[in-house]
Amino acid sequence: MPDKQQLKDRAVAALVDLNRRERAGERTGDFYRGTVQPAVEAAVAAGCDRTVIHADADRAYGRWLIANAGR
């Protein structure tokens, strides 16, 4: 069973991937319901703060945007 940090990392990665897909113009409803929501809920159930998960994902996505500017 994954530990709390691994669950949080998976949730953050799923949220960043969701943002990338949305930016690319993809339909993301199924991805959200099938991947993102379960990952976030598992992390919250393990004791992670939902607000922290989303804040970390926002920062990670921001870093990705900066690293990929102009591409």
Protein backbone atom coordinates (compact mmCIF):
# COMPACT_ATOMS: atom_id res chain seq x y z
CA MET A 1 0.00 0.00 0.00
CA PRO A 2 1.40 3.43 -0.93
CA ASP A 3 2.26 5.79 1.88
CA LYS A 4 0.77 9.25 2.39
CA GLN A 5 3.53 11.05 0.45
CA GLN A 6 3.24 8.72 -2.53
CA LEU A 7 -0.53 9.23 -2.66
CA LYS A 8 -0.06 13.01 -2.49
CA ASP A 9 2.57 12.90 -5.25
CA ARG A 10 0.23 10.86 -7.47
CA ALA A 11 -2.62 13.31 -6.90
CA VAL A 12 -0.38 16.29 -7.70
CA ALA A 13 0.91 14.59 -10.86
CA ALA A 14 -2.64 13.76 -11.96
CA LEU A 15 -3.75 17.37 -11.47
CA VAL A 16 -0.76 18.69 -13.42
CA ASP A 17 -1.51 16.23 -16.21
CA LEU A 18 -5.13 17.39 -16.19
CA ASN A 19 -4.01 21.01 -16.61
CA ARG A 20 -1.71 20.06 -19.48
CA ARG A 21 -4.50 18.18 -21.22
CA GLU A 22 -6.91 21.09 -20.77
CA ARG A 23 -4.31 23.48 -22.16
CA ALA A 24 -3.91 21.21 -25.20
CA GLY A 25 -7.65 21.41 -25.79
CA GLU A 26 -8.43 17.82 -24.92
CA ARG A 27 -11.69 16.73 -23.38
CA THR A 28 -10.84 15.89 -19.81
CA GLY A 29 -14.07 14.81 -18.12
CA ASP A 30 -13.35 11.08 -18.26
CA PHE A 31 -9.72 11.61 -17.25
CA TYR A 32 -10.81 13.70 -14.28
CA ARG A 33 -13.39 11.19 -13.08
CA GLY A 34 -11.25 8.13 -13.74
CA THR A 35 -7.81 9.33 -12.68
CA VAL A 36 -7.69 12.69 -10.95
CA GLN A 37 -10.65 12.44 -8.61
CA PRO A 38 -9.74 8.96 -7.27
CA ALA A 39 -6.10 10.03 -6.77
CA VAL A 40 -7.07 13.17 -4.84
CA GLU A 41 -9.65 11.31 -2.76
CA ALA A 42 -7.13 8.57 -1.88
CA ALA A 43 -4.60 11.18 -0.76
CA VAL A 44 -7.22 13.00 1.32
CA ALA A 45 -8.33 9.69 2.88
CA ALA A 46 -4.69 9.06 3.82
CA GLY A 47 -4.61 12.37 5.68
CA CYS A 48 -3.37 14.87 3.11
CA ASP A 49 -4.88 18.34 2.98
CA ARG A 50 -6.85 18.88 -0.24
CA THR A 51 -5.84 22.56 -0.33
CA VAL A 52 -2.15 21.65 -0.11
CA ILE A 53 -2.53 19.10 -2.92
CA HIS A 54 -4.09 21.70 -5.22
CA ALA A 55 -1.53 24.36 -4.25
CA ASP A 56 1.36 21.98 -4.96
CA ALA A 57 -0.21 21.07 -8.30
CA ASP A 58 -0.60 24.74 -9.21
CA ARG A 59 3.07 25.38 -8.43
CA ALA A 60 4.19 22.32 -10.39
CA TYR A 61 2.06 23.32 -13.39
CA GLY A 62 3.46 26.85 -13.20
CA ARG A 63 7.00 25.46 -13.30
CA TRP A 64 6.02 23.32 -16.30
CA LEU A 65 4.60 26.38 -18.09
CA ILE A 66 7.78 28.35 -17.51
CA ALA A 67 10.00 25.47 -18.60
CA ASN A 68 7.97 25.02 -21.79
CA ALA A 69 7.41 28.68 -22.68
CA GLY A 70 7.56 29.30 -26.40
CA ARG A 71 7.11 25.69 -27.42
